Amino acid sequence: MEDYVVPVMQQETLSSQVIRFLLGLISEKRLKVGDIVPSEVKVSEMLQVSRGIVRESYRALASIGVLSVQSGKRPRIREMDPSVLAQFFAYAAATSQISPTQILELRRVIEMQAAVLAATHGTDEDLATIEAAGKRLHEQPISHPEWIKRDYELHIAIANAVHNPLFQIIIRALRAPLEESMRVGIESQVSNHTEAHIVDLHDRIVSAICQRDASAASQAIEEHFNAPVSALLKKAIDDTRC
């Protein structure tokens, strides 16, 4: 009979059990954003564990965006926040598990569909917001620090017009790890000719969505990500990682 090295089996940690209990409670009670969860003392008494273990569990749930935890206040159910997902993408990029180019490729797929749905599902108010955001891109040259922010506002306005919160959550999360590299690339490498091309592409996206032309909106977004400027930004992003 062969000999095997048998590892010591570890029981599930107390904090993991508390986390599982709390997640089950949230689901069972159908708690909504802003609802209060049982207090540290209450959970400690219910599960017969120390308050320190419960506190650790609350902090773990806060770190993944489930709870909002503030000193002196009862924990509450937290609204969906792209920062947790953005941290994940940033970590994956920093450890070379994904590349900036791969992030851009995923953005392309999601934003093409967002443009289509914004054109078909957006309210008149949504379209007015998109149009106003597009006009603000003309207020400064794209090398101006504010331009990146206004470009971001346009893309989020389009995502919001979809009326599916997952679109703006994912777009925000995918954009965050690239924003500084995009800023550096634009400031250092974009020419006057390229600048005009970028602005024109955005104008076409806005126009197509506001005319509720889903096909033209999708094509404009695709050209935006296929354009020479996108290749330039990919190079700039990759260069900043070297």
Foldseek 3Di string as FASTA:
>chain_A
DDDDDDDDDDDDDPLVVLLVVQVVVCVVVVFDFFAFDDALVVSCVVVVHDSVSVVVNQVVCVLQQQWDDDPPDTIGGHDDALPNLLVVVLVCCLVVVDHLVVLLVVLLVLLLVLLLLLLVQADLVLLVQLVVLLVVLPVDQCLDPCNLVSVLSNSLSSNVRNVDVVSNSSNVSSCVSLSVLLNVLCNPPADPVNSVVLSVLSVQLSVCSSVSPSVSNSVSSNCNCVPPVVVSSSVSSVVVVD
